[in-house]
Amino acid sequence: MSSNKNSALRFSFSVLLFVIYGFFFVGCRSSEHEIEKYILQMAATGANDRASAVKRLKEIGAPAVPNLILALDSQDLAVRANVVWLLGEIGEPVEKIVPFLIRAFADSDQNVRTTALLSIISIGNPTVPFLIDAFGHPNAGVRQQSAFALGEIGQPISLIIPALIGNLDDSEWNVRRVSVRALLNIGQPAEPQLIEALNNGNRETRRTARIALDQMAHRKR
C-alpha cells in the first residue's frame, strides 16, 4: 500500500515538473518571438511603428541583447543605428555589448558609427579595457573612434593615459591626431607621461608628444 502511495506521489511530482517546464518553455518562446517581432518592426516604413518597436525593446532590456546583436548585420541603416543606440541604453552585459559597439565603429554608415560612439561614451568606464584593446584593430577608423571615446570618458587615467601615449606613433595620422586631442581633453594629468614620452619615445612618439605639450602650453596662456 505504502509502495503504491509513493509511486503515485512520484508520478504527481513528475507531472508537476513537466507542467512547470512546459510553462517556462512556452514563456521563453513567447518572449523570444516578441523580441524578434519588434526587431523586424524597426524596419517598418512608418516612423511611429519604428519608434514603438525601439521603445518596447528598451523596456525588455538585457533579454533582447542577443537578438539585437544579430540585427547589427541588417542591411537597413536605420535598424543598425537603432540597434547601437539601444545597446548603449541597455548597457548590460558590458562584455557582450561593448565589443559589438566597437565593431560598429567600422560600419559603412556615418550615422551608425556616430551613434555607436555615443553609446560607448554613455556606458562609460566599463568600456575602457575594450577600447584600449581596440588600438590593435587593423581598421584605422576603429582605432580613431576608440581614442576619441577614451578622451571623452577620461577615467581611469592610470589606464587611459599610457594607452593614448602608446598610440602616438600609430601608422595613421588621424589616429595620432585624435589621440593628441584625447590627451588634451584629459589635460594636466597627462603632462608628466607626455614629457616622459618626449624624452624616451621613438621618433614619431617624440614628435607627436611635442605637439601635444605645445598645445597644452598654449591652452594655459
N, C-alpha and C. Protein backbone atom coordinates (compact mmCIF):
# COMPACT_ATOMS: atom_id res chain seq x y z
N MET A 1 0.84 -1.21 0.00
CA MET A 1 0.00 0.00 0.00
C MET A 1 0.87 1.25 0.00
N SER A 2 1.88 1.20 0.91
CA SER A 2 2.81 2.33 1.00
C SER A 2 3.56 2.52 -0.31
N SER A 3 3.92 1.39 -0.96
CA SER A 3 4.65 1.46 -2.23
C SER A 3 3.80 2.11 -3.31
N ASN A 4 2.50 1.76 -3.33
CA ASN A 4 1.60 2.37 -4.31
C ASN A 4 1.45 3.87 -4.08
N LYS A 5 1.40 4.23 -2.80
CA LYS A 5 1.27 5.65 -2.45
C LYS A 5 2.51 6.44 -2.89
N ASN A 6 3.70 5.85 -2.65
CA ASN A 6 4.96 6.51 -3.06
C ASN A 6 5.04 6.66 -4.57
N SER A 7 4.58 5.62 -5.28
CA SER A 7 4.59 5.67 -6.75
C SER A 7 3.67 6.77 -7.26
N ALA A 8 2.51 6.89 -6.62
CA ALA A 8 1.56 7.93 -7.01
C ALA A 8 2.13 9.31 -6.76
N LEU A 9 2.83 9.47 -5.63
CA LEU A 9 3.43 10.77 -5.31
C LEU A 9 4.52 11.12 -6.32
N ARG A 10 5.33 10.09 -6.67
CA ARG A 10 6.40 10.34 -7.64
C ARG A 10 5.82 10.72 -8.99
N PHE A 11 4.74 10.04 -9.37
CA PHE A 11 4.08 10.35 -10.65
C PHE A 11 3.52 11.77 -10.64
N SER A 12 2.88 12.16 -9.54
CA SER A 12 2.31 13.51 -9.42
C SER A 12 3.40 14.57 -9.48
N PHE A 13 4.54 14.28 -8.83
CA PHE A 13 5.66 15.23 -8.84
C PHE A 13 6.22 15.38 -10.25
N SER A 14 6.32 14.25 -10.96
CA SER A 14 6.83 14.29 -12.35
C SER A 14 5.92 15.11 -13.25
N VAL A 15 4.60 14.91 -13.07
CA VAL A 15 3.64 15.67 -13.85
C VAL A 15 3.76 17.16 -13.56
N LEU A 16 3.92 17.50 -12.27
CA LEU A 16 4.06 18.91 -11.87
C LEU A 16 5.30 19.53 -12.51
N LEU A 17 6.44 18.79 -12.46
CA LEU A 17 7.66 19.29 -13.09
C LEU A 17 7.47 19.50 -14.59
N PHE A 18 6.79 18.57 -15.22
CA PHE A 18 6.54 18.66 -16.66
C PHE A 18 5.70 19.90 -16.99
N VAL A 19 4.70 20.16 -16.17
CA VAL A 19 3.84 21.33 -16.39
C VAL A 19 4.62 22.62 -16.20
N ILE A 20 5.43 22.67 -15.11
CA ILE A 20 6.23 23.87 -14.85
C ILE A 20 7.20 24.12 -16.00
N TYR A 21 7.88 23.05 -16.46
CA TYR A 21 8.82 23.18 -17.57
C TYR A 21 8.10 23.66 -18.83
N GLY A 22 6.89 23.11 -19.04
CA GLY A 22 6.12 23.50 -20.22
C GLY A 22 5.79 24.97 -20.22
N PHE A 23 5.32 25.47 -19.06
CA PHE A 23 5.02 26.90 -18.96
C PHE A 23 6.26 27.74 -19.17
N PHE A 24 7.38 27.29 -18.59
CA PHE A 24 8.65 28.04 -18.73
C PHE A 24 9.09 28.08 -20.19
N PHE A 25 9.00 26.94 -20.86
CA PHE A 25 9.42 26.86 -22.26
C PHE A 25 8.55 27.74 -23.15
N VAL A 26 7.23 27.64 -22.94
CA VAL A 26 6.30 28.44 -23.74
C VAL A 26 6.53 29.92 -23.49
N GLY A 27 6.78 30.27 -22.22
CA GLY A 27 7.05 31.68 -21.87
C GLY A 27 8.29 32.21 -22.55
N CYS A 28 9.35 31.38 -22.55
CA CYS A 28 10.61 31.79 -23.20
C CYS A 28 10.42 31.96 -24.70
N ARG A 29 9.71 31.00 -25.32
CA ARG A 29 9.48 31.10 -26.76
C ARG A 29 8.64 32.32 -27.10
N SER A 30 7.64 32.59 -26.23
CA SER A 30 6.78 33.75 -26.45
C SER A 30 7.58 35.04 -26.37
N SER A 31 8.48 35.13 -25.37
CA SER A 31 9.32 36.31 -25.21
C SER A 31 10.26 36.47 -26.40
N GLU A 32 10.86 35.35 -26.84
CA GLU A 32 11.77 35.37 -27.99
C GLU A 32 11.03 35.85 -29.24
N HIS A 33 9.83 35.35 -29.41
CA HIS A 33 9.02 35.73 -30.57
C HIS A 33 8.71 37.23 -30.53
N GLU A 34 8.41 37.74 -29.34
CA GLU A 34 8.09 39.16 -29.18
C GLU A 34 9.29 40.03 -29.54
N ILE A 35 10.47 39.63 -29.08
CA ILE A 35 11.69 40.38 -29.38
C ILE A 35 11.95 40.39 -30.89
N GLU A 36 11.83 39.23 -31.52
CA GLU A 36 12.04 39.14 -32.98
C GLU A 36 11.05 40.02 -33.73
N LYS A 37 9.80 40.04 -33.24
CA LYS A 37 8.76 40.85 -33.89
C LYS A 37 9.13 42.34 -33.84
N TYR A 38 9.60 42.80 -32.68
CA TYR A 38 9.93 44.23 -32.55
C TYR A 38 11.18 44.60 -33.34
N ILE A 39 12.13 43.68 -33.44
CA ILE A 39 13.32 43.96 -34.25
C ILE A 39 12.93 44.11 -35.72
N LEU A 40 12.07 43.25 -36.20
CA LEU A 40 11.58 43.38 -37.58
C LEU A 40 10.80 44.68 -37.76
N GLN A 41 10.08 45.09 -36.73
CA GLN A 41 9.27 46.30 -36.79
C GLN A 41 10.13 47.56 -36.90
N MET A 42 11.39 47.47 -36.47
CA MET A 42 12.28 48.63 -36.59
C MET A 42 12.57 48.99 -38.05
N ALA A 43 12.27 48.06 -38.97
CA ALA A 43 12.47 48.33 -40.39
C ALA A 43 11.17 48.78 -41.07
N ALA A 44 10.13 49.02 -40.28
CA ALA A 44 8.84 49.43 -40.85
C ALA A 44 8.94 50.79 -41.52
N THR A 45 8.05 51.05 -42.46
CA THR A 45 8.06 52.34 -43.17
C THR A 45 7.53 53.47 -42.29
N GLY A 46 6.63 53.16 -41.38
CA GLY A 46 6.04 54.20 -40.54
C GLY A 46 6.93 54.57 -39.36
N ALA A 47 7.17 55.87 -39.17
CA ALA A 47 8.04 56.33 -38.08
C ALA A 47 7.49 55.94 -36.72
N ASN A 48 6.16 56.00 -36.57
CA ASN A 48 5.54 55.64 -35.29
C ASN A 48 5.76 54.17 -34.96
N ASP A 49 5.66 53.31 -35.98
CA ASP A 49 5.89 51.88 -35.77
C ASP A 49 7.33 51.62 -35.34
N ARG A 50 8.27 52.30 -36.00
CA ARG A 50 9.69 52.12 -35.64
C ARG A 50 9.94 52.60 -34.21
N ALA A 51 9.40 53.77 -33.88
CA ALA A 51 9.61 54.33 -32.54
C ALA A 51 9.00 53.43 -31.47
N SER A 52 7.84 52.88 -31.77
CA SER A 52 7.18 51.98 -30.81
C SER A 52 8.01 50.72 -30.57
N ALA A 53 8.60 50.19 -31.64
CA ALA A 53 9.43 48.99 -31.52
C ALA A 53 10.68 49.27 -30.68
N VAL A 54 11.32 50.42 -30.94
CA VAL A 54 12.52 50.80 -30.18
C VAL A 54 12.17 50.96 -28.70
N LYS A 55 11.06 51.62 -28.42
CA LYS A 55 10.62 51.83 -27.03
C LYS A 55 10.38 50.49 -26.33
N ARG A 56 9.73 49.57 -27.02
CA ARG A 56 9.43 48.28 -26.39
C ARG A 56 10.69 47.46 -26.16
N LEU A 57 11.62 47.48 -27.10
CA LEU A 57 12.87 46.74 -26.93
C LEU A 57 13.70 47.31 -25.78
N LYS A 58 13.67 48.63 -25.61
CA LYS A 58 14.37 49.23 -24.48
C LYS A 58 13.76 48.76 -23.17
N GLU A 59 12.44 48.65 -23.12
CA GLU A 59 11.76 48.17 -21.91
C GLU A 59 12.09 46.70 -21.62
N ILE A 60 12.23 45.90 -22.67
CA ILE A 60 12.59 44.49 -22.48
C ILE A 60 13.99 44.38 -21.91
N GLY A 61 14.91 45.21 -22.40
CA GLY A 61 16.25 45.30 -21.82
C GLY A 61 17.18 44.15 -22.17
N ALA A 62 17.94 43.67 -21.17
CA ALA A 62 19.01 42.69 -21.39
C ALA A 62 18.58 41.43 -22.15
N PRO A 63 17.36 40.88 -21.92
CA PRO A 63 16.98 39.68 -22.69
C PRO A 63 16.95 39.91 -24.20
N ALA A 64 16.84 41.17 -24.63
CA ALA A 64 16.81 41.45 -26.07
C ALA A 64 18.20 41.56 -26.68
N VAL A 65 19.24 41.61 -25.85
CA VAL A 65 20.60 41.88 -26.35
C VAL A 65 21.08 40.87 -27.40
N PRO A 66 20.96 39.54 -27.19
CA PRO A 66 21.45 38.61 -28.22
C PRO A 66 20.82 38.84 -29.59
N ASN A 67 19.51 39.10 -29.62
CA ASN A 67 18.83 39.35 -30.90
C ASN A 67 19.24 40.69 -31.50
N LEU A 68 19.46 41.68 -30.66
CA LEU A 68 19.90 42.99 -31.15
C LEU A 68 21.29 42.88 -31.78
N ILE A 69 22.16 42.09 -31.17
CA ILE A 69 23.50 41.90 -31.72
C ILE A 69 23.42 41.27 -33.12
N LEU A 70 22.54 40.29 -33.27
CA LEU A 70 22.35 39.67 -34.60
C LEU A 70 21.85 40.69 -35.61
N ALA A 71 21.02 41.64 -35.14
CA ALA A 71 20.44 42.65 -36.04
C ALA A 71 21.46 43.67 -36.51
N LEU A 72 22.66 43.67 -35.93
CA LEU A 72 23.71 44.58 -36.41
C LEU A 72 24.15 44.23 -37.83
N ASP A 73 23.80 43.04 -38.29
CA ASP A 73 24.12 42.63 -39.66
C ASP A 73 23.02 43.01 -40.65
N SER A 74 21.99 43.72 -40.17
CA SER A 74 20.89 44.13 -41.05
C SER A 74 21.40 45.04 -42.17
N GLN A 75 20.78 44.92 -43.34
CA GLN A 75 21.11 45.81 -44.45
C GLN A 75 20.44 47.18 -44.30
N ASP A 76 19.50 47.29 -43.38
CA ASP A 76 18.76 48.53 -43.14
C ASP A 76 19.56 49.44 -42.22
N LEU A 77 19.96 50.62 -42.72
CA LEU A 77 20.79 51.54 -41.94
C LEU A 77 20.08 52.00 -40.68
N ALA A 78 18.76 52.27 -40.80
CA ALA A 78 18.01 52.74 -39.63
C ALA A 78 17.96 51.67 -38.54
N VAL A 79 17.85 50.41 -38.94
CA VAL A 79 17.84 49.32 -37.96
C VAL A 79 19.17 49.27 -37.23
N ARG A 80 20.28 49.35 -37.97
CA ARG A 80 21.59 49.28 -37.32
C ARG A 80 21.80 50.47 -36.38
N ALA A 81 21.38 51.65 -36.80
CA ALA A 81 21.53 52.84 -35.94
C ALA A 81 20.70 52.69 -34.68
N ASN A 82 19.48 52.20 -34.82
CA ASN A 82 18.63 51.98 -33.64
C ASN A 82 19.21 50.91 -32.72
N VAL A 83 19.79 49.88 -33.32
CA VAL A 83 20.37 48.79 -32.51
C VAL A 83 21.52 49.30 -31.66
N VAL A 84 22.45 50.06 -32.25
CA VAL A 84 23.59 50.53 -31.47
C VAL A 84 23.13 51.53 -30.40
N TRP A 85 22.09 52.30 -30.69
CA TRP A 85 21.54 53.19 -29.66
C TRP A 85 20.95 52.38 -28.52
N LEU A 86 20.16 51.35 -28.86
CA LEU A 86 19.54 50.51 -27.83
C LEU A 86 20.59 49.79 -26.98
N LEU A 87 21.63 49.28 -27.61
CA LEU A 87 22.68 48.60 -26.85
C LEU A 87 23.32 49.53 -25.83
N GLY A 88 23.52 50.80 -26.22
CA GLY A 88 24.05 51.78 -25.28
C GLY A 88 23.09 52.08 -24.16
N GLU A 89 21.79 52.14 -24.46
CA GLU A 89 20.78 52.41 -23.44
C GLU A 89 20.63 51.24 -22.47
N ILE A 90 20.68 50.03 -22.98
CA ILE A 90 20.55 48.85 -22.12
C ILE A 90 21.82 48.68 -21.28
N GLY A 91 22.98 48.73 -21.92
CA GLY A 91 24.26 48.82 -21.21
C GLY A 91 24.80 47.56 -20.57
N GLU A 92 24.00 46.54 -20.40
CA GLU A 92 24.42 45.30 -19.77
C GLU A 92 23.92 44.10 -20.59
N PRO A 93 24.70 43.02 -20.61
CA PRO A 93 26.03 42.84 -20.01
C PRO A 93 27.12 43.49 -20.86
N VAL A 94 27.98 44.23 -20.19
CA VAL A 94 29.02 45.01 -20.88
C VAL A 94 29.89 44.15 -21.77
N GLU A 95 30.27 42.97 -21.26
CA GLU A 95 31.21 42.12 -22.02
C GLU A 95 30.63 41.61 -23.33
N LYS A 96 29.30 41.59 -23.44
CA LYS A 96 28.67 41.21 -24.70
C LYS A 96 28.41 42.40 -25.59
N ILE A 97 28.00 43.51 -25.00
CA ILE A 97 27.57 44.68 -25.77
C ILE A 97 28.74 45.45 -26.37
N VAL A 98 29.75 45.74 -25.55
CA VAL A 98 30.80 46.69 -25.95
C VAL A 98 31.60 46.21 -27.18
N PRO A 99 32.03 44.94 -27.26
CA PRO A 99 32.77 44.54 -28.47
C PRO A 99 31.99 44.77 -29.76
N PHE A 100 30.68 44.63 -29.71
CA PHE A 100 29.88 44.84 -30.92
C PHE A 100 29.68 46.32 -31.22
N LEU A 101 29.62 47.14 -30.19
CA LEU A 101 29.58 48.58 -30.42
C LEU A 101 30.89 49.06 -31.04
N ILE A 102 32.00 48.53 -30.57
CA ILE A 102 33.30 48.88 -31.15
C ILE A 102 33.38 48.40 -32.59
N ARG A 103 32.86 47.22 -32.86
CA ARG A 103 32.82 46.72 -34.24
C ARG A 103 32.05 47.69 -35.14
N ALA A 104 31.00 48.30 -34.58
CA ALA A 104 30.17 49.24 -35.35
C ALA A 104 30.92 50.53 -35.67
N PHE A 105 32.09 50.77 -35.04
CA PHE A 105 32.92 51.93 -35.41
C PHE A 105 33.38 51.83 -36.87
N ALA A 106 33.36 50.63 -37.41
CA ALA A 106 33.80 50.41 -38.81
C ALA A 106 32.61 50.29 -39.76
N ASP A 107 31.40 50.59 -39.28
CA ASP A 107 30.21 50.48 -40.14
C ASP A 107 30.34 51.41 -41.35
N SER A 108 29.70 51.03 -42.44
CA SER A 108 29.77 51.83 -43.67
C SER A 108 28.99 53.15 -43.56
N ASP A 109 28.10 53.24 -42.58
CA ASP A 109 27.25 54.42 -42.45
C ASP A 109 27.73 55.33 -41.32
N GLN A 110 27.87 56.63 -41.62
CA GLN A 110 28.36 57.59 -40.64
C GLN A 110 27.45 57.68 -39.41
N ASN A 111 26.15 57.64 -39.63
CA ASN A 111 25.22 57.75 -38.51
C ASN A 111 25.35 56.58 -37.55
N VAL A 112 25.54 55.39 -38.10
CA VAL A 112 25.73 54.20 -37.26
C VAL A 112 27.02 54.34 -36.46
N ARG A 113 28.10 54.79 -37.12
CA ARG A 113 29.38 54.95 -36.43
C ARG A 113 29.28 55.98 -35.29
N THR A 114 28.62 57.10 -35.58
CA THR A 114 28.49 58.15 -34.57
C THR A 114 27.63 57.68 -33.40
N THR A 115 26.54 56.99 -33.71
CA THR A 115 25.65 56.50 -32.65
C THR A 115 26.36 55.46 -31.79
N ALA A 116 27.16 54.61 -32.41
CA ALA A 116 27.94 53.62 -31.65
C ALA A 116 28.92 54.32 -30.71
N LEU A 117 29.56 55.37 -31.19
CA LEU A 117 30.50 56.14 -30.37
C LEU A 117 29.79 56.76 -29.17
N LEU A 118 28.64 57.38 -29.41
CA LEU A 118 27.89 57.99 -28.31
C LEU A 118 27.41 56.94 -27.31
N SER A 119 27.06 55.77 -27.81
CA SER A 119 26.63 54.68 -26.91
C SER A 119 27.77 54.22 -26.02
N ILE A 120 28.95 54.08 -26.60
CA ILE A 120 30.13 53.69 -25.81
C ILE A 120 30.41 54.73 -24.72
N ILE A 121 30.37 56.00 -25.09
CA ILE A 121 30.65 57.07 -24.13
C ILE A 121 29.60 57.07 -23.02
N SER A 122 28.35 56.80 -23.37
CA SER A 122 27.29 56.80 -22.36
C SER A 122 27.46 55.65 -21.36
N ILE A 123 27.99 54.51 -21.81
CA ILE A 123 28.25 53.40 -20.88
C ILE A 123 29.41 53.76 -19.96
N GLY A 124 30.44 54.42 -20.51
CA GLY A 124 31.50 54.99 -19.68
C GLY A 124 32.62 54.05 -19.29
N ASN A 125 33.06 54.16 -18.03
CA ASN A 125 34.27 53.48 -17.55
C ASN A 125 34.37 51.99 -17.86
N PRO A 126 33.28 51.22 -17.77
CA PRO A 126 33.42 49.78 -18.04
C PRO A 126 33.90 49.46 -19.46
N THR A 127 33.80 50.43 -20.37
CA THR A 127 34.21 50.18 -21.75
C THR A 127 35.72 50.36 -21.97
N VAL A 128 36.40 50.95 -21.00
CA VAL A 128 37.80 51.36 -21.19
C VAL A 128 38.71 50.20 -21.60
N PRO A 129 38.71 49.06 -20.91
CA PRO A 129 39.61 47.97 -21.34
C PRO A 129 39.35 47.52 -22.77
N PHE A 130 38.09 47.51 -23.19
CA PHE A 130 37.75 47.09 -24.55
C PHE A 130 38.25 48.12 -25.57
N LEU A 131 38.15 49.40 -25.24
CA LEU A 131 38.62 50.46 -26.14
C LEU A 131 40.14 50.41 -26.28
N ILE A 132 40.82 50.14 -25.18
CA ILE A 132 42.29 50.03 -25.24
C ILE A 132 42.70 48.85 -26.12
N ASP A 133 42.00 47.73 -25.96
CA ASP A 133 42.29 46.56 -26.82
C ASP A 133 42.07 46.90 -28.29
N ALA A 134 41.12 47.79 -28.56
CA ALA A 134 40.79 48.15 -29.95
C ALA A 134 41.91 48.92 -30.64
N PHE A 135 42.91 49.39 -29.89
CA PHE A 135 44.05 50.06 -30.53
C PHE A 135 44.86 49.10 -31.38
N GLY A 136 44.62 47.79 -31.20
CA GLY A 136 45.28 46.81 -32.05
C GLY A 136 44.46 46.41 -33.26
N HIS A 137 43.32 47.07 -33.45
CA HIS A 137 42.43 46.72 -34.57
C HIS A 137 43.04 47.16 -35.89
N PRO A 138 42.90 46.36 -36.95
CA PRO A 138 43.50 46.74 -38.25
C PRO A 138 42.81 47.93 -38.92
N ASN A 139 41.57 48.24 -38.52
CA ASN A 139 40.83 49.35 -39.13
C ASN A 139 41.19 50.66 -38.42
N ALA A 140 41.73 51.62 -39.16
CA ALA A 140 42.15 52.90 -38.57
C ALA A 140 40.97 53.66 -37.98
N GLY A 141 39.80 53.54 -38.61
CA GLY A 141 38.61 54.22 -38.10
C GLY A 141 38.23 53.73 -36.71
N VAL A 142 38.38 52.44 -36.48
CA VAL A 142 38.08 51.86 -35.16
C VAL A 142 39.06 52.41 -34.13
N ARG A 143 40.35 52.48 -34.50
CA ARG A 143 41.35 53.00 -33.56
C ARG A 143 41.09 54.47 -33.26
N GLN A 144 40.72 55.22 -34.29
CA GLN A 144 40.46 56.65 -34.12
C GLN A 144 39.26 56.89 -33.20
N GLN A 145 38.17 56.18 -33.45
CA GLN A 145 36.97 56.32 -32.62
C GLN A 145 37.26 55.91 -31.18
N SER A 146 38.06 54.87 -31.02
CA SER A 146 38.40 54.39 -29.67
C SER A 146 39.19 55.44 -28.89
N ALA A 147 40.13 56.09 -29.59
CA ALA A 147 40.92 57.15 -28.94
C ALA A 147 40.02 58.32 -28.54
N PHE A 148 39.10 58.68 -29.42
CA PHE A 148 38.17 59.78 -29.11
C PHE A 148 37.33 59.44 -27.89
N ALA A 149 36.80 58.22 -27.87
CA ALA A 149 35.95 57.80 -26.74
C ALA A 149 36.72 57.83 -25.42
N LEU A 150 37.97 57.36 -25.45
CA LEU A 150 38.77 57.37 -24.21
C LEU A 150 38.98 58.79 -23.70
N GLY A 151 39.19 59.74 -24.61
CA GLY A 151 39.36 61.13 -24.20
C GLY A 151 38.10 61.70 -23.58
N GLU A 152 36.94 61.26 -24.06
CA GLU A 152 35.66 61.73 -23.52
C GLU A 152 35.36 61.08 -22.18
N ILE A 153 35.67 59.81 -22.04
CA ILE A 153 35.40 59.10 -20.78
C ILE A 153 36.36 59.58 -19.68
N GLY A 154 37.65 59.61 -20.00
CA GLY A 154 38.62 60.28 -19.14
C GLY A 154 39.11 59.55 -17.90
N GLN A 155 38.42 58.54 -17.45
CA GLN A 155 38.80 57.79 -16.25
C GLN A 155 38.67 56.29 -16.52
N PRO A 156 39.53 55.49 -15.91
CA PRO A 156 40.64 55.83 -15.02
C PRO A 156 41.88 56.28 -15.81
N ILE A 157 42.46 57.38 -15.40
CA ILE A 157 43.59 57.93 -16.15
C ILE A 157 44.80 56.99 -16.10
N SER A 158 44.88 56.16 -15.05
CA SER A 158 46.02 55.24 -14.94
C SER A 158 46.05 54.24 -16.10
N LEU A 159 44.90 53.96 -16.68
CA LEU A 159 44.83 53.08 -17.85
C LEU A 159 44.82 53.87 -19.16
N ILE A 160 44.07 54.97 -19.16
CA ILE A 160 43.81 55.69 -20.40
C ILE A 160 45.05 56.43 -20.91
N ILE A 161 45.74 57.15 -20.03
CA ILE A 161 46.88 57.97 -20.49
C ILE A 161 47.98 57.13 -21.12
N PRO A 162 48.46 56.05 -20.47
CA PRO A 162 49.52 55.25 -21.13
C PRO A 162 49.07 54.67 -22.47
N ALA A 163 47.79 54.28 -22.55
CA ALA A 163 47.29 53.71 -23.82
C ALA A 163 47.30 54.76 -24.92
N LEU A 164 46.88 55.97 -24.61
CA LEU A 164 46.86 57.04 -25.61
C LEU A 164 48.27 57.43 -26.03
N ILE A 165 49.18 57.48 -25.07
CA ILE A 165 50.58 57.82 -25.40
C ILE A 165 51.19 56.72 -26.26
N GLY A 166 50.83 55.48 -25.97
CA GLY A 166 51.30 54.38 -26.81
C GLY A 166 50.77 54.46 -28.23
N ASN A 167 49.74 55.25 -28.41
CA ASN A 167 49.11 55.42 -29.72
C ASN A 167 49.72 56.57 -30.53
N LEU A 168 50.65 57.30 -29.94
CA LEU A 168 51.18 58.50 -30.60
C LEU A 168 52.06 58.18 -31.81
N ASP A 169 52.42 56.91 -31.98
CA ASP A 169 53.20 56.55 -33.18
C ASP A 169 52.38 55.66 -34.11
N ASP A 170 51.05 55.75 -33.99
CA ASP A 170 50.18 54.96 -34.88
C ASP A 170 50.52 55.29 -36.34
N SER A 171 50.34 54.31 -37.21
CA SER A 171 50.70 54.49 -38.62
C SER A 171 49.79 55.49 -39.34
N GLU A 172 48.60 55.76 -38.79
CA GLU A 172 47.64 56.67 -39.41
C GLU A 172 47.68 58.04 -38.71
N TRP A 173 47.83 59.08 -39.51
CA TRP A 173 47.90 60.43 -38.96
C TRP A 173 46.65 60.79 -38.17
N ASN A 174 45.48 60.44 -38.65
CA ASN A 174 44.23 60.78 -37.97
C ASN A 174 44.13 60.13 -36.60
N VAL A 175 44.66 58.93 -36.46
CA VAL A 175 44.65 58.25 -35.16
C VAL A 175 45.56 59.00 -34.20
N ARG A 176 46.73 59.41 -34.69
CA ARG A 176 47.65 60.19 -33.83
C ARG A 176 47.00 61.51 -33.43
N ARG A 177 46.35 62.17 -34.41
CA ARG A 177 45.72 63.46 -34.14
C ARG A 177 44.64 63.35 -33.07
N VAL A 178 43.79 62.33 -33.19
CA VAL A 178 42.70 62.17 -32.22
C VAL A 178 43.25 61.74 -30.85
N SER A 179 44.35 60.99 -30.84
CA SER A 179 44.98 60.62 -29.57
C SER A 179 45.52 61.86 -28.85
N VAL A 180 46.10 62.78 -29.61
CA VAL A 180 46.56 64.05 -29.02
C VAL A 180 45.37 64.82 -28.47
N ARG A 181 44.30 64.89 -29.25
CA ARG A 181 43.11 65.60 -28.79
C ARG A 181 42.57 64.99 -27.49
N ALA A 182 42.58 63.65 -27.42
CA ALA A 182 42.09 62.96 -26.22
C ALA A 182 42.97 63.31 -25.00
N LEU A 183 44.28 63.35 -25.21
CA LEU A 183 45.19 63.71 -24.12
C LEU A 183 44.97 65.17 -23.68
N LEU A 184 44.73 66.06 -24.65
CA LEU A 184 44.43 67.45 -24.31
C LEU A 184 43.12 67.55 -23.53
N ASN A 185 42.20 66.68 -23.85
CA ASN A 185 40.92 66.66 -23.15
C ASN A 185 41.12 66.27 -21.69
N ILE A 186 42.04 65.34 -21.45
CA ILE A 186 42.34 64.91 -20.08
C ILE A 186 43.11 66.01 -19.35
N GLY A 187 44.02 66.66 -20.09
CA GLY A 187 44.69 67.83 -19.55
C GLY A 187 45.93 67.55 -18.72
N GLN A 188 46.12 68.34 -17.66
CA GLN A 188 47.34 68.34 -16.85
C GLN A 188 47.78 66.96 -16.36
N PRO A 189 46.86 66.06 -15.96
CA PRO A 189 47.32 64.74 -15.51
C PRO A 189 48.12 63.97 -16.55
N ALA A 190 47.96 64.33 -17.84
CA ALA A 190 48.69 63.63 -18.90
C ALA A 190 50.09 64.20 -19.11
N GLU A 191 50.35 65.36 -18.55
CA GLU A 191 51.60 66.07 -18.85
C GLU A 191 52.86 65.31 -18.46
N PRO A 192 52.96 64.73 -17.24
CA PRO A 192 54.20 64.03 -16.87
C PRO A 192 54.53 62.87 -17.81
N GLN A 193 53.53 62.13 -18.23
CA GLN A 193 53.81 61.00 -19.11
C GLN A 193 54.11 61.45 -20.54
N LEU A 194 53.57 62.60 -20.94
CA LEU A 194 53.94 63.16 -22.24
C LEU A 194 55.40 63.61 -22.23
N ILE A 195 55.83 64.19 -21.13
CA ILE A 195 57.24 64.61 -21.00
C ILE A 195 58.15 63.39 -21.05
N GLU A 196 57.73 62.31 -20.38
CA GLU A 196 58.49 61.06 -20.42
C GLU A 196 58.58 60.53 -21.85
N ALA A 197 57.45 60.60 -22.58
CA ALA A 197 57.44 60.14 -23.98
C ALA A 197 58.32 61.01 -24.85
N LEU A 198 58.35 62.30 -24.55
CA LEU A 198 59.18 63.24 -25.30
C LEU A 198 60.66 62.91 -25.13
N ASN A 199 61.02 62.46 -23.95
CA ASN A 199 62.43 62.17 -23.67
C ASN A 199 62.87 60.77 -24.08
N ASN A 200 61.93 59.83 -24.05
CA ASN A 200 62.34 58.43 -24.22
C ASN A 200 61.61 57.67 -25.33
N GLY A 201 60.65 58.30 -25.98
CA GLY A 201 59.89 57.59 -27.01
C GLY A 201 60.67 57.47 -28.32
N ASN A 202 60.08 56.75 -29.27
CA ASN A 202 60.70 56.69 -30.59
C ASN A 202 60.48 58.02 -31.31
N ARG A 203 61.00 58.11 -32.52
CA ARG A 203 60.99 59.40 -33.22
C ARG A 203 59.58 59.97 -33.39
N GLU A 204 58.65 59.13 -33.85
CA GLU A 204 57.29 59.61 -34.09
C GLU A 204 56.58 59.95 -32.78
N THR A 205 56.81 59.14 -31.75
CA THR A 205 56.21 59.42 -30.44
C THR A 205 56.71 60.74 -29.90
N ARG A 206 58.02 60.99 -30.02
CA ARG A 206 58.60 62.26 -29.53
C ARG A 206 57.99 63.45 -30.27
N ARG A 207 57.86 63.30 -31.59
CA ARG A 207 57.32 64.40 -32.38
C ARG A 207 55.88 64.72 -31.99
N THR A 208 55.06 63.66 -31.83
CA THR A 208 53.65 63.86 -31.51
C THR A 208 53.48 64.34 -30.06
N ALA A 209 54.32 63.84 -29.16
CA ALA A 209 54.27 64.30 -27.76
C ALA A 209 54.61 65.79 -27.69
N ARG A 210 55.55 66.26 -28.51
CA ARG A 210 55.90 67.68 -28.55
C ARG A 210 54.70 68.50 -29.00
N ILE A 211 53.99 68.03 -30.00
CA ILE A 211 52.78 68.74 -30.47
C ILE A 211 51.77 68.84 -29.32
N ALA A 212 51.55 67.72 -28.60
CA ALA A 212 50.58 67.71 -27.50
C ALA A 212 51.00 68.67 -26.40
N LEU A 213 52.28 68.67 -26.04
CA LEU A 213 52.77 69.55 -24.97
C LEU A 213 52.69 71.01 -25.37
N ASP A 214 53.01 71.30 -26.62
CA ASP A 214 52.92 72.69 -27.11
C ASP A 214 51.47 73.18 -27.05
N GLN A 215 50.55 72.31 -27.43
CA GLN A 215 49.13 72.71 -27.40
C GLN A 215 48.62 72.88 -25.97
N MET A 216 49.14 72.04 -25.07
CA MET A 216 48.77 72.19 -23.65
C MET A 216 49.27 73.53 -23.12
N ALA A 217 50.51 73.87 -23.45
CA ALA A 217 51.08 75.14 -23.00
C ALA A 217 50.30 76.31 -23.56
N HIS A 218 49.88 76.20 -24.83
CA HIS A 218 49.11 77.26 -25.45
C HIS A 218 47.77 77.45 -24.75
N ARG A 219 47.16 76.36 -24.32
CA ARG A 219 45.87 76.43 -23.63
C ARG A 219 45.98 77.12 -22.27
N LYS A 220 47.15 76.99 -21.65
CA LYS A 220 47.34 77.58 -20.31
C LYS A 220 47.47 79.09 -20.37
N ARG A 221 47.78 79.64 -21.54
CA ARG A 221 48.02 81.09 -21.65
C ARG A 221 46.72 81.88 -21.51
